[in-house]
């Protein structure tokens, strides 16, 4: 049943105050289709909400807010070594990664402890420690605004770095209901990113050992949103051309940098912010995390406008010092309350 004027402050990991004009959380295709029909008839806008972990919410979400809660997943053997995993959009992603590793499946272990629901994973093309969702995704199941079901293959999703078709042409135009992943029973550890390999004691680790190592690293570096409101990394790691990278390296030889296949160089946004002296900054109800400058935090009592003002301050500082533009990673949704 569609509910009116629903409080969503506990439904986003930043803990920002927000109310949905109309809200439906459901694991029924029939109910979701009926809600989409009502939204079309009444000319409501559509917002699809997952676990609320990569969002900045303004105080009001107008129209219909839909939260698919399909919580099932099943394994389909497609060969001696390969397995198809069918995952409902409402499945908790960190728990899914653990369950897959416990089943001896490889491919998602580096994506451990990324908060949120499975259905939101393709939107951002979640990634960590050298692996992206696009590496293991086979297809996405969708409903359009009319409630018609269809599928997109991986190569139709326009995946990029923290990017996809779901942030552009299909933004607020589809409801993701299910993912299909393609994983392997053969060990395929990817341990060459950062100091991940040093966390693995065995020469032949199982997938669960990698999950544990990645989870430990994330807990050390990133705040728990249950303790302090945050949306994880607030800025994308910027990519600059090789000339700009050489200019910066001449000035800052210790600057972390990662060459890309297209000739550009990816920089570490957290390092750039830290060099501006902003780590640990508190500005009213919001601030920069004291252990990871890439994370902006909400200490409570604030709102989206305060957080965005801080983000602008951080980005301007990096631009002024390094000539590098930072791009926000979380999606911005909703509108301001009337004054």
C-alpha atoms as a PDB file:
ATOM      1  CA  UNK A   1       0.000   0.000   0.000  1.00  0.00           C
ATOM      2  CA  UNK A   2       1.251   3.469  -0.861  1.00  0.00           C
ATOM      3  CA  UNK A   3       1.793   5.568   2.265  1.00  0.00           C
ATOM      4  CA  UNK A   4       1.818   9.366   2.445  1.00  0.00           C
ATOM      5  CA  UNK A   5       4.327  11.719   4.077  1.00  0.00           C
ATOM      6  CA  UNK A   6       6.855   9.056   5.130  1.00  0.00           C
ATOM      7  CA  UNK A   7       9.932   9.921   7.188  1.00  0.00           C
ATOM      8  CA  UNK A   8      13.094   8.710   5.404  1.00  0.00           C
ATOM      9  CA  UNK A   9      15.730   9.974   7.829  1.00  0.00           C
ATOM     10  CA  UNK A  10      16.531   6.404   8.898  1.00  0.00           C
ATOM     11  CA  UNK A  11      16.414   5.200   5.288  1.00  0.00           C
ATOM     12  CA  UNK A  12      19.574   7.042   4.180  1.00  0.00           C
ATOM     13  CA  UNK A  13      23.000   6.352   5.669  1.00  0.00           C
ATOM     14  CA  UNK A  14      23.815  10.054   5.958  1.00  0.00           C
ATOM     15  CA  UNK A  15      20.837  10.393   8.296  1.00  0.00           C
ATOM     16  CA  UNK A  16      19.652  13.555   6.562  1.00  0.00           C
ATOM     17  CA  UNK A  17      16.088  14.689   7.253  1.00  0.00           C
ATOM     18  CA  UNK A  18      13.801  13.799   4.358  1.00  0.00           C
ATOM     19  CA  UNK A  19      10.132  12.989   3.838  1.00  0.00           C
ATOM     20  CA  UNK A  20       8.616  11.145   0.901  1.00  0.00           C
ATOM     21  CA  UNK A  21       5.338  12.520  -0.401  1.00  0.00           C
ATOM     22  CA  UNK A  22       4.261   8.983  -1.393  1.00  0.00           C
ATOM     23  CA  UNK A  23       6.163   5.809  -0.508  1.00  0.00           C
ATOM     24  CA  UNK A  24       5.934   2.108  -1.293  1.00  0.00           C
ATOM     25  CA  UNK A  25       8.298  -0.649  -0.150  1.00  0.00           C
ATOM     26  CA  UNK A  26       7.283  -3.940  -1.758  1.00  0.00           C
ATOM     27  CA  UNK A  27       8.436  -7.343  -2.999  1.00  0.00           C
ATOM     28  CA  UNK A  28       5.333  -7.771  -5.148  1.00  0.00           C
ATOM     29  CA  UNK A  29       5.600  -7.111  -8.877  1.00  0.00           C
ATOM     30  CA  UNK A  30       1.837  -6.669  -8.984  1.00  0.00           C
ATOM     31  CA  UNK A  31       1.900  -4.035  -6.251  1.00  0.00           C
ATOM     32  CA  UNK A  32       4.838  -2.196  -7.826  1.00  0.00           C
ATOM     33  CA  UNK A  33       3.170  -2.214 -11.232  1.00  0.00           C
ATOM     34  CA  UNK A  34      -0.020  -0.823  -9.695  1.00  0.00           C
ATOM     35  CA  UNK A  35       1.980   1.948  -7.995  1.00  0.00           C
ATOM     36  CA  UNK A  36       3.681   2.815 -11.278  1.00  0.00           C
ATOM     37  CA  UNK A  37       0.280   2.980 -12.948  1.00  0.00           C
ATOM     38  CA  UNK A  38      -0.996   5.360 -10.276  1.00  0.00           C
ATOM     39  CA  UNK A  39       2.114   7.504 -10.622  1.00  0.00           C
ATOM     40  CA  UNK A  40       1.600   7.747 -14.381  1.00  0.00           C
ATOM     41  CA  UNK A  41      -2.082   8.610 -14.025  1.00  0.00           C
ATOM     42  CA  UNK A  42      -1.345  11.339 -11.464  1.00  0.00           C
ATOM     43  CA  UNK A  43       1.818  12.584 -13.189  1.00  0.00           C
ATOM     44  CA  UNK A  44       3.985  11.856 -10.153  1.00  0.00           C
ATOM     45  CA  UNK A  45       7.750  11.876 -10.442  1.00  0.00           C
ATOM     46  CA  UNK A  46       9.503   8.590  -9.603  1.00  0.00           C
ATOM     47  CA  UNK A  47      12.404   7.974  -7.241  1.00  0.00           C
ATOM     48  CA  UNK A  48      13.734   4.451  -6.667  1.00  0.00           C
ATOM     49  CA  UNK A  49      15.356   3.955  -3.279  1.00  0.00           C
ATOM     50  CA  UNK A  50      17.653   1.084  -2.367  1.00  0.00           C
ATOM     51  CA  UNK A  51      19.564   0.966   0.904  1.00  0.00           C
ATOM     52  CA  UNK A  52      20.074   4.743   0.878  1.00  0.00           C
ATOM     53  CA  UNK A  53      23.860   4.377   1.065  1.00  0.00           C
ATOM     54  CA  UNK A  54      24.995   6.536  -1.838  1.00  0.00           C
ATOM     55  CA  UNK A  55      22.520   9.396  -1.719  1.00  0.00           C
ATOM     56  CA  UNK A  56      22.258  12.967  -0.566  1.00  0.00           C
ATOM     57  CA  UNK A  57      18.584  13.633   0.132  1.00  0.00           C
ATOM     58  CA  UNK A  58      17.004  17.066   0.202  1.00  0.00           C
ATOM     59  CA  UNK A  59      14.182  17.482   2.758  1.00  0.00           C
ATOM     60  CA  UNK A  60      11.406  16.511   0.345  1.00  0.00           C
ATOM     61  CA  UNK A  61      11.196  13.638  -2.146  1.00  0.00           C
ATOM     62  CA  UNK A  62       8.214  14.521  -4.340  1.00  0.00           C
ATOM     63  CA  UNK A  63       5.963  12.115  -6.189  1.00  0.00           C
ATOM     64  CA  UNK A  64       6.366   8.375  -5.682  1.00  0.00           C
ATOM     65  CA  UNK A  65       9.332   6.831  -3.870  1.00  0.00           C
ATOM     66  CA  UNK A  66       9.623   3.103  -4.601  1.00  0.00           C
ATOM     67  CA  UNK A  67      11.802   0.692  -2.646  1.00  0.00           C
ATOM     68  CA  UNK A  68      11.917  -2.808  -4.197  1.00  0.00           C
ATOM     69  CA  UNK A  69      12.480  -5.350  -1.415  1.00  0.00           C
ATOM     70  CA  UNK A  70      12.915  -8.619  -3.365  1.00  0.00           C
ATOM     71  CA  UNK A  71      15.179 -10.493  -0.940  1.00  0.00           C
ATOM     72  CA  UNK A  72      15.833 -13.847  -2.617  1.00  0.00           C
ATOM     73  CA  UNK A  73      18.866 -15.174  -4.439  1.00  0.00           C
ATOM     74  CA  UNK A  74      19.559 -18.508  -6.066  1.00  0.00           C
ATOM     75  CA  UNK A  75      22.452 -20.258  -7.782  1.00  0.00           C
ATOM     76  CA  UNK A  76      22.291 -21.761 -11.268  1.00  0.00           C
ATOM     77  CA  UNK A  77      25.132 -24.034 -12.375  1.00  0.00           C
ATOM     78  CA  UNK A  78      26.019 -23.331 -16.011  1.00  0.00           C
ATOM     79  CA  UNK A  79      29.090 -25.496 -16.291  1.00  0.00           C
ATOM     80  CA  UNK A  80      31.672 -27.236 -14.202  1.00  0.00           C
ATOM     81  CA  UNK A  81      33.252 -24.001 -13.008  1.00  0.00           C
ATOM     82  CA  UNK A  82      30.726 -21.233 -13.670  1.00  0.00           C
ATOM     83  CA  UNK A  83      27.618 -20.256 -11.736  1.00  0.00           C
ATOM     84  CA  UNK A  84      24.873 -17.796 -12.518  1.00  0.00           C
ATOM     85  CA  UNK A  85      23.562 -15.968  -9.435  1.00  0.00           C
ATOM     86  CA  UNK A  86      20.045 -14.515  -9.582  1.00  0.00           C
ATOM     87  CA  UNK A  87      19.738 -11.764  -6.966  1.00  0.00           C
ATOM     88  CA  UNK A  88      16.672  -9.812  -5.860  1.00  0.00           C
ATOM     89  CA  UNK A  89      17.071  -6.031  -5.779  1.00  0.00           C
ATOM     90  CA  UNK A  90      16.412  -5.848  -2.038  1.00  0.00           C
ATOM     91  CA  UNK A  91      19.189  -8.247  -1.027  1.00  0.00           C
ATOM     92  CA  UNK A  92      21.708  -6.686   1.358  1.00  0.00           C
ATOM     93  CA  UNK A  93      24.932  -6.478  -0.669  1.00  0.00           C
ATOM     94  CA  UNK A  94      27.464  -7.145   2.136  1.00  0.00           C
ATOM     95  CA  UNK A  95      25.544 -10.242   3.266  1.00  0.00           C
ATOM     96  CA  UNK A  96      25.315 -11.451  -0.330  1.00  0.00           C
ATOM     97  CA  UNK A  97      29.082 -11.195  -0.826  1.00  0.00           C
ATOM     98  CA  UNK A  98      29.701 -13.261   2.325  1.00  0.00           C
ATOM     99  CA  UNK A  99      27.139 -15.882   1.271  1.00  0.00           C
ATOM    100  CA  UNK A 100      28.701 -16.213  -2.186  1.00  0.00           C
ATOM    101  CA  UNK A 101      32.185 -16.611  -0.722  1.00  0.00           C
ATOM    102  CA  UNK A 102      30.882 -19.233   1.704  1.00  0.00           C
ATOM    103  CA  UNK A 103      29.591 -21.106  -1.347  1.00  0.00           C
ATOM    104  CA  UNK A 104      33.104 -21.072  -2.816  1.00  0.00           C
ATOM    105  CA  UNK A 105      32.264 -18.562  -5.550  1.00  0.00           C
ATOM    106  CA  UNK A 106      34.788 -16.034  -6.857  1.00  0.00           C
ATOM    107  CA  UNK A 107      34.209 -12.614  -8.384  1.00  0.00           C
ATOM    108  CA  UNK A 108      32.585 -10.409  -5.752  1.00  0.00           C
ATOM    109  CA  UNK A 109      34.972 -10.881  -2.816  1.00  0.00           C
ATOM    110  CA  UNK A 110      36.776  -7.534  -3.397  1.00  0.00           C
ATOM    111  CA  UNK A 111      33.383  -5.801  -3.207  1.00  0.00           C
ATOM    112  CA  UNK A 112      32.857  -6.872   0.395  1.00  0.00           C
ATOM    113  CA  UNK A 113      31.227  -4.547   2.926  1.00  0.00           C
ATOM    114  CA  UNK A 114      30.047  -1.997   0.362  1.00  0.00           C
ATOM    115  CA  UNK A 115      26.794  -0.863   1.992  1.00  0.00           C
ATOM    116  CA  UNK A 116      23.450  -0.889   0.225  1.00  0.00           C
ATOM    117  CA  UNK A 117      21.077  -3.162  -1.642  1.00  0.00           C
ATOM    118  CA  UNK A 118      21.959  -5.242  -4.698  1.00  0.00           C
ATOM    119  CA  UNK A 119      19.518  -3.330  -6.892  1.00  0.00           C
ATOM    120  CA  UNK A 120      21.468  -0.101  -6.432  1.00  0.00           C
ATOM    121  CA  UNK A 121      24.828  -1.673  -7.305  1.00  0.00           C
ATOM    122  CA  UNK A 122      24.557  -1.234 -11.108  1.00  0.00           C
ATOM    123  CA  UNK A 123      23.557   2.427 -10.817  1.00  0.00           C
ATOM    124  CA  UNK A 124      26.918   3.391  -9.389  1.00  0.00           C
ATOM    125  CA  UNK A 125      28.801   0.440 -10.876  1.00  0.00           C
ATOM    126  CA  UNK A 126      30.150  -0.168  -7.389  1.00  0.00           C
ATOM    127  CA  UNK A 127      33.827  -0.930  -7.193  1.00  0.00           C
ATOM    128  CA  UNK A 128      36.682  -1.492  -4.755  1.00  0.00           C
ATOM    129  CA  UNK A 129      40.210  -2.875  -4.696  1.00  0.00           C
ATOM    130  CA  UNK A 130      40.524  -3.216  -8.450  1.00  0.00           C
ATOM    131  CA  UNK A 131      37.133  -4.855  -9.102  1.00  0.00           C
ATOM    132  CA  UNK A 132      33.863  -3.367 -10.378  1.00  0.00           C
ATOM    133  CA  UNK A 133      30.374  -4.814 -10.524  1.00  0.00           C
ATOM    134  CA  UNK A 134      30.627  -4.668 -14.320  1.00  0.00           C
ATOM    135  CA  UNK A 135      33.299  -7.390 -14.114  1.00  0.00           C
ATOM    136  CA  UNK A 136      30.752  -9.940 -12.875  1.00  0.00           C
ATOM    137  CA  UNK A 137      27.346  -8.648 -13.979  1.00  0.00           C
ATOM    138  CA  UNK A 138      25.561 -10.514 -16.764  1.00  0.00           C
ATOM    139  CA  UNK A 139      22.226  -8.693 -16.939  1.00  0.00           C
ATOM    140  CA  UNK A 140      19.798  -6.424 -15.090  1.00  0.00           C
ATOM    141  CA  UNK A 141      16.038  -7.046 -14.873  1.00  0.00           C
ATOM    142  CA  UNK A 142      13.880  -3.923 -14.998  1.00  0.00           C
ATOM    143  CA  UNK A 143      10.381  -2.506 -15.002  1.00  0.00           C
ATOM    144  CA  UNK A 144       9.759   0.635 -17.032  1.00  0.00           C
ATOM    145  CA  UNK A 145       7.432   3.462 -15.977  1.00  0.00           C
ATOM    146  CA  UNK A 146       4.490   1.560 -17.515  1.00  0.00           C
ATOM    147  CA  UNK A 147       5.324  -1.571 -15.520  1.00  0.00           C
ATOM    148  CA  UNK A 148       6.610  -3.532 -18.524  1.00  0.00           C
ATOM    149  CA  UNK A 149       9.455  -5.939 -17.748  1.00  0.00           C
ATOM    150  CA  UNK A 150      12.635  -6.140 -19.792  1.00  0.00           C
ATOM    151  CA  UNK A 151      16.342  -6.859 -19.392  1.00  0.00           C
ATOM    152  CA  UNK A 152      19.622  -5.137 -20.157  1.00  0.00           C
ATOM    153  CA  UNK A 153      22.823  -7.050 -20.859  1.00  0.00           C
ATOM    154  CA  UNK A 154      26.035  -5.818 -19.299  1.00  0.00           C
ATOM    155  CA  UNK A 155      27.202  -4.229 -22.561  1.00  0.00           C
ATOM    156  CA  UNK A 156      23.942  -2.251 -22.728  1.00  0.00           C
ATOM    157  CA  UNK A 157      24.428  -0.642 -19.323  1.00  0.00           C
ATOM    158  CA  UNK A 158      27.088   1.910 -20.417  1.00  0.00           C
ATOM    159  CA  UNK A 159      29.231   1.143 -17.388  1.00  0.00           C
ATOM    160  CA  UNK A 160      32.071   3.475 -16.528  1.00  0.00           C
ATOM    161  CA  UNK A 161      33.926   4.537 -13.412  1.00  0.00           C
ATOM    162  CA  UNK A 162      31.100   4.926 -10.851  1.00  0.00           C
ATOM    163  CA  UNK A 163      28.769   5.457 -13.777  1.00  0.00           C
ATOM    164  CA  UNK A 164      26.076   3.730 -15.817  1.00  0.00           C
ATOM    165  CA  UNK A 165      23.062   4.282 -18.039  1.00  0.00           C
ATOM    166  CA  UNK A 166      20.977   4.336 -14.849  1.00  0.00           C
ATOM    167  CA  UNK A 167      22.476   7.713 -13.909  1.00  0.00           C
ATOM    168  CA  UNK A 168      21.712   9.198 -17.313  1.00  0.00           C
ATOM    169  CA  UNK A 169      19.152   8.047 -19.900  1.00  0.00           C
ATOM    170  CA  UNK A 170      17.331   5.735 -17.478  1.00  0.00           C
ATOM    171  CA  UNK A 171      17.547   7.826 -14.325  1.00  0.00           C
ATOM    172  CA  UNK A 172      14.172   7.716 -12.539  1.00  0.00           C
ATOM    173  CA  UNK A 173      12.709   5.921 -15.566  1.00  0.00           C
ATOM    174  CA  UNK A 174      13.106   2.293 -14.496  1.00  0.00           C
ATOM    175  CA  UNK A 175      12.854   0.081 -11.412  1.00  0.00           C
ATOM    176  CA  UNK A 176      15.624  -2.495 -11.048  1.00  0.00           C
ATOM    177  CA  UNK A 177      14.088  -5.718  -9.750  1.00  0.00           C
ATOM    178  CA  UNK A 178      16.869  -8.305 -10.105  1.00  0.00           C
ATOM    179  CA  UNK A 179      20.531  -8.802 -11.056  1.00  0.00           C
ATOM    180  CA  UNK A 180      22.165 -11.787 -12.702  1.00  0.00           C
ATOM    181  CA  UNK A 181      25.840 -12.279 -11.835  1.00  0.00           C
ATOM    182  CA  UNK A 182      28.297 -14.712 -13.424  1.00  0.00           C
ATOM    183  CA  UNK A 183      30.817 -16.112 -10.948  1.00  0.00           C
ATOM    184  CA  UNK A 184      33.437 -18.847 -10.928  1.00  0.00           C
ATOM    185  CA  UNK A 185      34.221 -21.813  -8.695  1.00  0.00           C
ATOM    186  CA  UNK A 186      37.862 -21.561  -9.764  1.00  0.00           C
ATOM    187  CA  UNK A 187      40.025 -19.423  -7.451  1.00  0.00           C
ATOM    188  CA  UNK A 188      40.673 -16.051  -9.095  1.00  0.00           C
ATOM    189  CA  UNK A 189      42.027 -13.779  -6.354  1.00  0.00           C
ATOM    190  CA  UNK A 190      42.827 -10.179  -7.321  1.00  0.00           C
ATOM    191  CA  UNK A 191      45.153  -8.988  -4.598  1.00  0.00           C
ATOM    192  CA  UNK A 192      47.366  -6.436  -6.358  1.00  0.00           C
ATOM    193  CA  UNK A 193      45.489  -3.321  -5.259  1.00  0.00           C
ATOM    194  CA  UNK A 194      46.949  -1.357  -2.365  1.00  0.00           C
ATOM    195  CA  UNK A 195      48.147  -3.507   0.521  1.00  0.00           C
ATOM    196  CA  UNK A 196      45.486  -6.173   0.112  1.00  0.00           C
ATOM    197  CA  UNK A 197      47.994  -8.935  -0.624  1.00  0.00           C
ATOM    198  CA  UNK A 198      49.804  -8.241   2.645  1.00  0.00           C
ATOM    199  CA  UNK A 199      46.571  -8.981   4.525  1.00  0.00           C
ATOM    200  CA  UNK A 200      46.364 -12.512   3.097  1.00  0.00           C
ATOM    201  CA  UNK A 201      48.490 -15.035   4.941  1.00  0.00           C
ATOM    202  CA  UNK A 202      47.842 -18.029   2.694  1.00  0.00           C
ATOM    203  CA  UNK A 203      49.436 -18.477  -0.718  1.00  0.00           C
ATOM    204  CA  UNK A 204      46.150 -20.011  -1.879  1.00  0.00           C
ATOM    205  CA  UNK A 205      43.404 -18.173  -0.005  1.00  0.00           C
ATOM    206  CA  UNK A 206      39.757 -19.050  -0.292  1.00  0.00           C
ATOM    207  CA  UNK A 207      37.203 -16.415  -1.260  1.00  0.00           C
ATOM    208  CA  UNK A 208      36.064 -15.930   2.332  1.00  0.00           C
ATOM    209  CA  UNK A 209      39.607 -15.058   3.424  1.00  0.00           C
ATOM    210  CA  UNK A 210      39.658 -12.274   0.828  1.00  0.00           C
ATOM    211  CA  UNK A 211      36.243 -11.069   2.011  1.00  0.00           C
ATOM    212  CA  UNK A 212      37.559 -10.922   5.571  1.00  0.00           C
ATOM    213  CA  UNK A 213      40.693  -9.010   4.537  1.00  0.00           C
ATOM    214  CA  UNK A 214      38.769  -6.489   2.444  1.00  0.00           C
ATOM    215  CA  UNK A 215      36.207  -6.021   5.219  1.00  0.00           C
ATOM    216  CA  UNK A 216      38.943  -5.383   7.771  1.00  0.00           C
ATOM    217  CA  UNK A 217      40.560  -2.767   5.524  1.00  0.00           C
ATOM    218  CA  UNK A 218      37.251  -1.003   4.954  1.00  0.00           C
ATOM    219  CA  UNK A 219      36.463  -0.941   8.678  1.00  0.00           C
ATOM    220  CA  UNK A 220      39.857   0.630   9.391  1.00  0.00           C
ATOM    221  CA  UNK A 221      39.478   3.346   6.778  1.00  0.00           C
ATOM    222  CA  UNK A 222      35.770   4.103   6.584  1.00  0.00           C
ATOM    223  CA  UNK A 223      33.324   5.106   9.336  1.00  0.00           C
ATOM    224  CA  UNK A 224      30.363   2.905  10.154  1.00  0.00           C
ATOM    225  CA  UNK A 225      27.203   4.793   9.095  1.00  0.00           C
ATOM    226  CA  UNK A 226      25.488   3.346  12.170  1.00  0.00           C
ATOM    227  CA  UNK A 227      27.925   5.395  14.269  1.00  0.00           C
ATOM    228  CA  UNK A 228      28.268   8.555  12.174  1.00  0.00           C
ATOM    229  CA  UNK A 229      26.209   9.479   9.132  1.00  0.00           C
ATOM    230  CA  UNK A 230      28.075   9.141   5.845  1.00  0.00           C
ATOM    231  CA  UNK A 231      27.683   7.967   2.263  1.00  0.00           C
ATOM    232  CA  UNK A 232      31.121   6.427   1.889  1.00  0.00           C
ATOM    233  CA  UNK A 233      33.414   8.124  -0.613  1.00  0.00           C
ATOM    234  CA  UNK A 234      31.906  11.522  -1.362  1.00  0.00           C
ATOM    235  CA  UNK A 235      34.117  12.327  -4.363  1.00  0.00           C
ATOM    236  CA  UNK A 236      35.274  10.279  -7.314  1.00  0.00           C
ATOM    237  CA  UNK A 237      38.998   9.824  -7.770  1.00  0.00           C
ATOM    238  CA  UNK A 238      39.748  12.336 -10.555  1.00  0.00           C
ATOM    239  CA  UNK A 239      41.480  11.363 -13.789  1.00  0.00           C
ATOM    240  CA  UNK A 240      43.803  13.940 -15.378  1.00  0.00           C
ATOM    241  CA  UNK A 241      45.776  13.919 -18.604  1.00  0.00           C
ATOM    242  CA  UNK A 242      49.411  12.846 -18.502  1.00  0.00           C
ATOM    243  CA  UNK A 243      50.744  16.411 -18.811  1.00  0.00           C
ATOM    244  CA  UNK A 244      48.807  17.564 -15.759  1.00  0.00           C
ATOM    245  CA  UNK A 245      49.907  14.471 -13.885  1.00  0.00           C
ATOM    246  CA  UNK A 246      53.584  15.154 -14.663  1.00  0.00           C
ATOM    247  CA  UNK A 247      53.170  18.777 -13.584  1.00  0.00           C
ATOM    248  CA  UNK A 248      51.709  17.725 -10.263  1.00  0.00           C
ATOM    249  CA  UNK A 249      54.261  14.967  -9.693  1.00  0.00           C
ATOM    250  CA  UNK A 250      57.071  17.466 -10.194  1.00  0.00           C
ATOM    251  CA  UNK A 251      55.602  19.500  -7.353  1.00  0.00           C
ATOM    252  CA  UNK A 252      54.408  16.556  -5.227  1.00  0.00           C
ATOM    253  CA  UNK A 253      56.596  13.495  -5.936  1.00  0.00           C
ATOM    254  CA  UNK A 254      54.833  11.523  -3.181  1.00  0.00           C
ATOM    255  CA  UNK A 255      51.377  11.993  -4.748  1.00  0.00           C
ATOM    256  CA  UNK A 256      49.549   8.658  -5.230  1.00  0.00           C
ATOM    257  CA  UNK A 257      48.753   8.116  -8.909  1.00  0.00           C
ATOM    258  CA  UNK A 258      47.520   5.250 -11.060  1.00  0.00           C
ATOM    259  CA  UNK A 259      48.038   5.147 -14.855  1.00  0.00           C
ATOM    260  CA  UNK A 260      44.907   4.301 -16.864  1.00  0.00           C
ATOM    261  CA  UNK A 261      44.661   2.416 -20.134  1.00  0.00           C
ATOM    262  CA  UNK A 262      43.503   5.527 -22.008  1.00  0.00           C
ATOM    263  CA  UNK A 263      46.692   7.415 -21.122  1.00  0.00           C
ATOM    264  CA  UNK A 264      45.190   9.483 -18.339  1.00  0.00           C
ATOM    265  CA  UNK A 265      46.268   9.202 -14.725  1.00  0.00           C
ATOM    266  CA  UNK A 266      43.908   8.639 -11.812  1.00  0.00           C
ATOM    267  CA  UNK A 267      44.653  10.591  -8.638  1.00  0.00           C
ATOM    268  CA  UNK A 268      43.565   9.865  -5.073  1.00  0.00           C
ATOM    269  CA  UNK A 269      40.900  12.391  -4.121  1.00  0.00           C
ATOM    270  CA  UNK A 270      41.364  11.656  -0.424  1.00  0.00           C
ATOM    271  CA  UNK A 271      45.071  12.516  -0.616  1.00  0.00           C
ATOM    272  CA  UNK A 272      44.348  15.789  -2.434  1.00  0.00           C
ATOM    273  CA  UNK A 273      41.798  16.786   0.219  1.00  0.00           C
ATOM    274  CA  UNK A 274      44.158  15.804   3.027  1.00  0.00           C
ATOM    275  CA  UNK A 275      46.925  17.981   1.542  1.00  0.00           C
ATOM    276  CA  UNK A 276      44.556  20.936   1.751  1.00  0.00           C
ATOM    277  CA  UNK A 277      44.463  20.455   5.515  1.00  0.00           C
ATOM    278  CA  UNK A 278      40.796  19.520   5.600  1.00  0.00           C
ATOM    279  CA  UNK A 279      40.895  16.086   7.203  1.00  0.00           C
ATOM    280  CA  UNK A 280      38.989  16.203  10.480  1.00  0.00           C
ATOM    281  CA  UNK A 281      37.389  19.577   9.704  1.00  0.00           C
ATOM    282  CA  UNK A 282      34.039  20.145  11.390  1.00  0.00           C
ATOM    283  CA  UNK A 283      31.684  22.809  10.070  1.00  0.00           C
ATOM    284  CA  UNK A 284      28.539  22.937  12.177  1.00  0.00           C
ATOM    285  CA  UNK A 285      26.600  19.694  11.792  1.00  0.00           C
ATOM    286  CA  UNK A 286      28.835  18.271   9.042  1.00  0.00           C
ATOM    287  CA  UNK A 287      32.512  17.627   8.514  1.00  0.00           C
ATOM    288  CA  UNK A 288      35.386  15.746   6.882  1.00  0.00           C
ATOM    289  CA  UNK A 289      36.162  12.396   8.474  1.00  0.00           C
ATOM    290  CA  UNK A 290      39.275  12.416  10.651  1.00  0.00           C
ATOM    291  CA  UNK A 291      40.674   9.162   9.241  1.00  0.00           C
ATOM    292  CA  UNK A 292      39.595   9.326   5.589  1.00  0.00           C
ATOM    293  CA  UNK A 293      39.364  12.741   3.978  1.00  0.00           C
ATOM    294  CA  UNK A 294      37.377  11.305   1.069  1.00  0.00           C
ATOM    295  CA  UNK A 295      34.401  10.818   3.395  1.00  0.00           C
ATOM    296  CA  UNK A 296      32.105  13.672   4.425  1.00  0.00           C
ATOM    297  CA  UNK A 297      30.110  13.022   7.571  1.00  0.00           C
ATOM    298  CA  UNK A 298      26.876  14.235   9.134  1.00  0.00           C
ATOM    299  CA  UNK A 299      27.061  14.515  12.916  1.00  0.00           C
ATOM    300  CA  UNK A 300      23.315  14.988  13.251  1.00  0.00           C
ATOM    301  CA  UNK A 301      21.010  17.964  13.178  1.00  0.00           C
ATOM    302  CA  UNK A 302      22.088  19.108   9.716  1.00  0.00           C
ATOM    303  CA  UNK A 303      20.622  18.934   6.239  1.00  0.00           C
ATOM    304  CA  UNK A 304      21.582  18.464   2.619  1.00  0.00           C
ATOM    305  CA  UNK A 305      22.264  22.173   2.054  1.00  0.00           C
ATOM    306  CA  UNK A 306      24.918  22.197   4.796  1.00  0.00           C
ATOM    307  CA  UNK A 307      26.575  19.065   3.457  1.00  0.00           C
ATOM    308  CA  UNK A 308      26.631  20.361  -0.107  1.00  0.00           C
ATOM    309  CA  UNK A 309      28.108  23.667   1.047  1.00  0.00           C
ATOM    310  CA  UNK A 310      30.915  21.752   2.738  1.00  0.00           C
ATOM    311  CA  UNK A 311      31.433  19.648  -0.401  1.00  0.00           C
ATOM    312  CA  UNK A 312      31.748  22.834  -2.447  1.00  0.00           C
ATOM    313  CA  UNK A 313      34.285  24.210   0.009  1.00  0.00           C
ATOM    314  CA  UNK A 314      36.348  21.019  -0.222  1.00  0.00           C
ATOM    315  CA  UNK A 315      36.200  20.925  -4.030  1.00  0.00           C
ATOM    316  CA  UNK A 316      37.149  24.599  -4.292  1.00  0.00           C
ATOM    317  CA  UNK A 317      40.159  24.048  -2.018  1.00  0.00           C
ATOM    318  CA  UNK A 318      41.411  21.195  -4.197  1.00  0.00           C
ATOM    319  CA  UNK A 319      40.813  23.203  -7.366  1.00  0.00           C
ATOM    320  CA  UNK A 320      42.704  26.213  -6.031  1.00  0.00           C
ATOM    321  CA  UNK A 321      45.713  24.217  -4.824  1.00  0.00           C
ATOM    322  CA  UNK A 322      46.045  21.544  -7.486  1.00  0.00           C
ATOM    323  CA  UNK A 323      43.957  22.707 -10.449  1.00  0.00           C
ATOM    324  CA  UNK A 324      42.016  19.433 -10.223  1.00  0.00           C
ATOM    325  CA  UNK A 325      38.228  19.229 -10.323  1.00  0.00           C
ATOM    326  CA  UNK A 326      36.480  16.892  -7.902  1.00  0.00           C
ATOM    327  CA  UNK A 327      33.153  15.341  -8.849  1.00  0.00           C
ATOM    328  CA  UNK A 328      30.541  14.291  -6.288  1.00  0.00           C
ATOM    329  CA  UNK A 329      29.924  10.544  -6.134  1.00  0.00           C
ATOM    330  CA  UNK A 330      26.585  10.237  -4.247  1.00  0.00           C
ATOM    331  CA  UNK A 331      23.439  11.089  -6.194  1.00  0.00           C
ATOM    332  CA  UNK A 332      21.452  14.151  -5.149  1.00  0.00           C
ATOM    333  CA  UNK A 333      17.713  13.648  -4.870  1.00  0.00           C
ATOM    334  CA  UNK A 334      14.651  15.624  -3.841  1.00  0.00           C
ATOM    335  CA  UNK A 335      14.050  19.319  -3.323  1.00  0.00           C
ATOM    336  CA  UNK A 336      14.270  21.933  -0.640  1.00  0.00           C
ATOM    337  CA  UNK A 337      11.345  22.498   1.699  1.00  0.00           C
ATOM    338  CA  UNK A 338       9.429  25.706   1.015  1.00  0.00           C
ATOM    339  CA  UNK A 339      10.700  28.591   3.126  1.00  0.00           C
END
